Amino acid sequence: MVRPQTQSESKSHALSNWSSEMDNLFESFFRPVRQSASGAWLPAMNISETESGYQVDLELPGLNAEDVNVELHDGKLTISGERQTEEQSEDRRWHRVEHVYGKFQRELKLGTPVDEENVSASFKNGVLSVMIPKSEQAKPRKIEVTNS
């Protein structure tokens, strides 16, 4: 026979459920992994600019340089790749999986003319860095003001 909950047990259960829901909310809000509307993996990307060019950094833990493609065409930088899933085995039970696997693609339209011939990319410690120099016409130039 099931006994009815006391008022204090009912409040305790409701508080426990609310606490669990708040934990889930914060966990999903602060999760570092980004996904597109289609569910594809979107690695975190930083973009910085100097007078001489742009630097694009992507966090790609668990990947190697061979797993990543970088293309620049008509002022659009495209970075794509894939993180393979881990092998499944019958003697291993997963309790939680937060790593994201699958294909990704990030695109960036560059609004400034760039020197496409001198773009370089390097991969170190799970971070891809793409250096994109601006073309000479895009770099600021000082114009001398003379007395007339």
C-alpha atoms as a PDB file:
ATOM      1  CA  MET A   1       0.000   0.000   0.000  1.00  0.00           C
ATOM      2  CA  VAL A   2       1.293   3.463  -0.899  1.00  0.00           C
ATOM      3  CA  ARG A   3       1.079   6.064   1.809  1.00  0.00           C
ATOM      4  CA  PRO A   4       0.211   9.656   0.852  1.00  0.00           C
ATOM      5  CA  GLN A   5       3.004  12.222   1.043  1.00  0.00           C
ATOM      6  CA  THR A   6       3.069  14.562   3.956  1.00  0.00           C
ATOM      7  CA  GLN A   7       2.998  18.282   3.267  1.00  0.00           C
ATOM      8  CA  SER A   8       6.711  18.653   4.114  1.00  0.00           C
ATOM      9  CA  GLU A   9       7.631  15.708   1.822  1.00  0.00           C
ATOM     10  CA  SER A  10       5.602  17.249  -0.986  1.00  0.00           C
ATOM     11  CA  LYS A  11       7.347  20.626  -0.571  1.00  0.00           C
ATOM     12  CA  SER A  12      10.732  18.900  -0.411  1.00  0.00           C
ATOM     13  CA  HIS A  13       9.987  16.981  -3.631  1.00  0.00           C
ATOM     14  CA  ALA A  14       8.820  20.143  -5.430  1.00  0.00           C
ATOM     15  CA  LEU A  15      11.940  22.005  -4.277  1.00  0.00           C
ATOM     16  CA  SER A  16      14.127  19.114  -5.458  1.00  0.00           C
ATOM     17  CA  ASN A  17      12.447  19.162  -8.901  1.00  0.00           C
ATOM     18  CA  TRP A  18      12.829  22.946  -9.149  1.00  0.00           C
ATOM     19  CA  SER A  19      16.500  22.704  -8.159  1.00  0.00           C
ATOM     20  CA  SER A  20      17.091  19.996 -10.770  1.00  0.00           C
ATOM     21  CA  GLU A  21      15.368  22.055 -13.471  1.00  0.00           C
ATOM     22  CA  MET A  22      17.471  25.126 -12.558  1.00  0.00           C
ATOM     23  CA  ASP A  23      20.646  23.002 -12.760  1.00  0.00           C
ATOM     24  CA  ASN A  24      19.622  21.824 -16.238  1.00  0.00           C
ATOM     25  CA  LEU A  25      18.847  25.390 -17.321  1.00  0.00           C
ATOM     26  CA  PHE A  26      22.222  26.728 -16.192  1.00  0.00           C
ATOM     27  CA  GLU A  27      24.053  23.729 -17.608  1.00  0.00           C
ATOM     28  CA  SER A  28      22.502  24.209 -21.048  1.00  0.00           C
ATOM     29  CA  PHE A  29      22.996  27.981 -20.945  1.00  0.00           C
ATOM     30  CA  PHE A  30      26.686  27.836 -20.062  1.00  0.00           C
ATOM     31  CA  ARG A  31      27.558  24.824 -22.195  1.00  0.00           C
ATOM     32  CA  PRO A  32      30.583  25.805 -24.311  1.00  0.00           C
ATOM     33  CA  VAL A  33      29.548  23.750 -27.333  1.00  0.00           C
ATOM     34  CA  ARG A  34      27.581  25.569 -29.989  1.00  0.00           C
ATOM     35  CA  GLN A  35      25.237  23.967 -32.472  1.00  0.00           C
ATOM     36  CA  SER A  36      23.600  25.356 -35.578  1.00  0.00           C
ATOM     37  CA  ALA A  37      19.854  25.192 -36.129  1.00  0.00           C
ATOM     38  CA  SER A  38      20.430  21.951 -38.050  1.00  0.00           C
ATOM     39  CA  GLY A  39      22.254  20.440 -35.062  1.00  0.00           C
ATOM     40  CA  ALA A  40      25.732  20.628 -36.645  1.00  0.00           C
ATOM     41  CA  TRP A  41      28.683  21.296 -34.390  1.00  0.00           C
ATOM     42  CA  LEU A  42      29.882  24.929 -34.425  1.00  0.00           C
ATOM     43  CA  PRO A  43      33.345  25.260 -32.864  1.00  0.00           C
ATOM     44  CA  ALA A  44      33.991  28.446 -30.902  1.00  0.00           C
ATOM     45  CA  MET A  45      35.578  31.131 -33.093  1.00  0.00           C
ATOM     46  CA  ASN A  46      37.468  34.335 -32.257  1.00  0.00           C
ATOM     47  CA  ILE A  47      38.131  36.994 -34.892  1.00  0.00           C
ATOM     48  CA  SER A  48      40.566  39.847 -34.383  1.00  0.00           C
ATOM     49  CA  GLU A  49      41.764  42.642 -36.652  1.00  0.00           C
ATOM     50  CA  THR A  50      44.877  44.793 -36.829  1.00  0.00           C
ATOM     51  CA  GLU A  51      45.922  47.400 -39.366  1.00  0.00           C
ATOM     52  CA  SER A  52      47.707  44.692 -41.352  1.00  0.00           C
ATOM     53  CA  GLY A  53      45.141  41.872 -41.288  1.00  0.00           C
ATOM     54  CA  TYR A  54      42.750  39.506 -39.578  1.00  0.00           C
ATOM     55  CA  GLN A  55      43.313  36.505 -37.334  1.00  0.00           C
ATOM     56  CA  VAL A  56      40.661  33.811 -37.021  1.00  0.00           C
ATOM     57  CA  ASP A  57      41.052  31.220 -34.248  1.00  0.00           C
ATOM     58  CA  LEU A  58      38.866  28.122 -33.874  1.00  0.00           C
ATOM     59  CA  GLU A  59      38.868  25.760 -30.902  1.00  0.00           C
ATOM     60  CA  LEU A  60      39.092  22.253 -32.323  1.00  0.00           C
ATOM     61  CA  PRO A  61      40.077  19.923 -29.471  1.00  0.00           C
ATOM     62  CA  GLY A  62      40.696  16.346 -30.479  1.00  0.00           C
ATOM     63  CA  LEU A  63      41.358  17.191 -34.135  1.00  0.00           C
ATOM     64  CA  ASN A  64      44.576  17.316 -36.117  1.00  0.00           C
ATOM     65  CA  ALA A  65      45.608  19.578 -38.983  1.00  0.00           C
ATOM     66  CA  GLU A  66      44.654  16.798 -41.432  1.00  0.00           C
ATOM     67  CA  ASP A  67      41.050  16.864 -40.156  1.00  0.00           C
ATOM     68  CA  VAL A  68      40.498  20.516 -41.126  1.00  0.00           C
ATOM     69  CA  ASN A  69      39.939  22.250 -44.495  1.00  0.00           C
ATOM     70  CA  VAL A  70      40.524  25.994 -44.937  1.00  0.00           C
ATOM     71  CA  GLU A  71      39.448  27.766 -48.137  1.00  0.00           C
ATOM     72  CA  LEU A  72      39.331  31.414 -49.188  1.00  0.00           C
ATOM     73  CA  HIS A  73      37.343  32.258 -52.283  1.00  0.00           C
ATOM     74  CA  ASP A  74      35.862  35.587 -53.410  1.00  0.00           C
ATOM     75  CA  GLY A  75      36.387  37.162 -49.988  1.00  0.00           C
ATOM     76  CA  LYS A  76      34.721  34.297 -48.095  1.00  0.00           C
ATOM     77  CA  LEU A  77      36.701  32.185 -45.632  1.00  0.00           C
ATOM     78  CA  THR A  78      35.341  28.666 -45.124  1.00  0.00           C
ATOM     79  CA  ILE A  79      36.664  26.357 -42.418  1.00  0.00           C
ATOM     80  CA  SER A  80      35.278  22.837 -42.275  1.00  0.00           C
ATOM     81  CA  GLY A  81      36.100  19.414 -40.922  1.00  0.00           C
ATOM     82  CA  GLU A  82      34.831  16.493 -38.931  1.00  0.00           C
ATOM     83  CA  ARG A  83      35.404  15.011 -35.485  1.00  0.00           C
ATOM     84  CA  GLN A  84      34.950  11.245 -35.574  1.00  0.00           C
ATOM     85  CA  THR A  85      32.993   9.462 -32.838  1.00  0.00           C
ATOM     86  CA  GLU A  86      34.815   7.198 -30.437  1.00  0.00           C
ATOM     87  CA  GLU A  87      34.650   3.480 -31.021  1.00  0.00           C
ATOM     88  CA  GLN A  88      31.795   1.792 -29.145  1.00  0.00           C
ATOM     89  CA  SER A  89      32.561  -1.335 -27.148  1.00  0.00           C
ATOM     90  CA  GLU A  90      30.279  -3.707 -25.285  1.00  0.00           C
ATOM     91  CA  ASP A  91      32.410  -3.648 -22.131  1.00  0.00           C
ATOM     92  CA  ARG A  92      32.064   0.126 -21.747  1.00  0.00           C
ATOM     93  CA  ARG A  93      28.952   1.902 -20.467  1.00  0.00           C
ATOM     94  CA  TRP A  94      28.582   5.633 -20.993  1.00  0.00           C
ATOM     95  CA  HIS A  95      27.079   7.620 -18.129  1.00  0.00           C
ATOM     96  CA  ARG A  96      27.397  11.006 -19.768  1.00  0.00           C
ATOM     97  CA  VAL A  97      28.535  12.169 -23.209  1.00  0.00           C
ATOM     98  CA  GLU A  98      29.185  15.870 -23.704  1.00  0.00           C
ATOM     99  CA  HIS A  99      31.711  15.708 -26.537  1.00  0.00           C
ATOM    100  CA  VAL A 100      30.169  16.718 -29.826  1.00  0.00           C
ATOM    101  CA  TYR A 101      31.004  14.732 -32.935  1.00  0.00           C
ATOM    102  CA  GLY A 102      30.331  15.126 -36.602  1.00  0.00           C
ATOM    103  CA  LYS A 103      30.926  17.610 -39.374  1.00  0.00           C
ATOM    104  CA  PHE A 104      31.261  21.344 -38.891  1.00  0.00           C
ATOM    105  CA  GLN A 105      31.546  24.350 -41.164  1.00  0.00           C
ATOM    106  CA  ARG A 106      32.143  27.990 -40.294  1.00  0.00           C
ATOM    107  CA  GLU A 107      31.988  30.724 -42.938  1.00  0.00           C
ATOM    108  CA  LEU A 108      33.143  34.297 -42.666  1.00  0.00           C
ATOM    109  CA  LYS A 109      32.553  36.966 -45.297  1.00  0.00           C
ATOM    110  CA  LEU A 110      35.462  39.394 -45.321  1.00  0.00           C
ATOM    111  CA  GLY A 111      34.294  42.914 -46.132  1.00  0.00           C
ATOM    112  CA  THR A 112      37.817  44.239 -46.726  1.00  0.00           C
ATOM    113  CA  PRO A 113      40.023  43.256 -49.688  1.00  0.00           C
ATOM    114  CA  VAL A 114      42.643  40.737 -48.526  1.00  0.00           C
ATOM    115  CA  ASP A 115      45.920  39.401 -49.891  1.00  0.00           C
ATOM    116  CA  GLU A 116      44.663  35.908 -50.791  1.00  0.00           C
ATOM    117  CA  GLU A 117      48.123  34.729 -51.883  1.00  0.00           C
ATOM    118  CA  ASN A 118      49.599  35.186 -48.387  1.00  0.00           C
ATOM    119  CA  VAL A 119      46.922  33.636 -46.181  1.00  0.00           C
ATOM    120  CA  SER A 120      48.417  31.120 -43.746  1.00  0.00           C
ATOM    121  CA  ALA A 121      47.012  28.625 -41.257  1.00  0.00           C
ATOM    122  CA  SER A 122      48.587  26.791 -38.333  1.00  0.00           C
ATOM    123  CA  PHE A 123      47.329  24.233 -35.846  1.00  0.00           C
ATOM    124  CA  LYS A 124      48.634  24.024 -32.289  1.00  0.00           C
ATOM    125  CA  ASN A 125      47.192  22.519 -29.086  1.00  0.00           C
ATOM    126  CA  GLY A 126      43.734  22.067 -30.606  1.00  0.00           C
ATOM    127  CA  VAL A 127      43.484  25.644 -31.898  1.00  0.00           C
ATOM    128  CA  LEU A 128      43.442  26.497 -35.599  1.00  0.00           C
ATOM    129  CA  SER A 129      44.799  29.985 -36.355  1.00  0.00           C
ATOM    130  CA  VAL A 130      44.255  31.531 -39.790  1.00  0.00           C
ATOM    131  CA  MET A 131      46.204  34.703 -40.581  1.00  0.00           C
ATOM    132  CA  ILE A 132      44.660  36.803 -43.360  1.00  0.00           C
ATOM    133  CA  PRO A 133      46.700  39.846 -44.430  1.00  0.00           C
ATOM    134  CA  LYS A 134      44.816  42.840 -45.818  1.00  0.00           C
ATOM    135  CA  SER A 135      45.661  43.947 -49.326  1.00  0.00           C
ATOM    136  CA  GLU A 136      47.718  47.122 -49.621  1.00  0.00           C
ATOM    137  CA  GLN A 137      44.665  49.055 -50.859  1.00  0.00           C
ATOM    138  CA  ALA A 138      42.733  48.091 -47.728  1.00  0.00           C
ATOM    139  CA  LYS A 139      45.434  49.195 -45.285  1.00  0.00           C
ATOM    140  CA  PRO A 140      45.088  52.683 -43.864  1.00  0.00           C
ATOM    141  CA  ARG A 141      47.520  55.167 -45.279  1.00  0.00           C
ATOM    142  CA  LYS A 142      48.540  58.480 -43.906  1.00  0.00           C
ATOM    143  CA  ILE A 143      47.862  61.488 -46.071  1.00  0.00           C
ATOM    144  CA  GLU A 144      50.149  64.387 -45.489  1.00  0.00           C
ATOM    145  CA  VAL A 145      48.477  67.732 -44.983  1.00  0.00           C
ATOM    146  CA  THR A 146      50.423  70.694 -46.326  1.00  0.00           C
ATOM    147  CA  ASN A 147      50.105  74.396 -45.751  1.00  0.00           C
ATOM    148  CA  SER A 148      48.792  76.231 -48.779  1.00  0.00           C
END
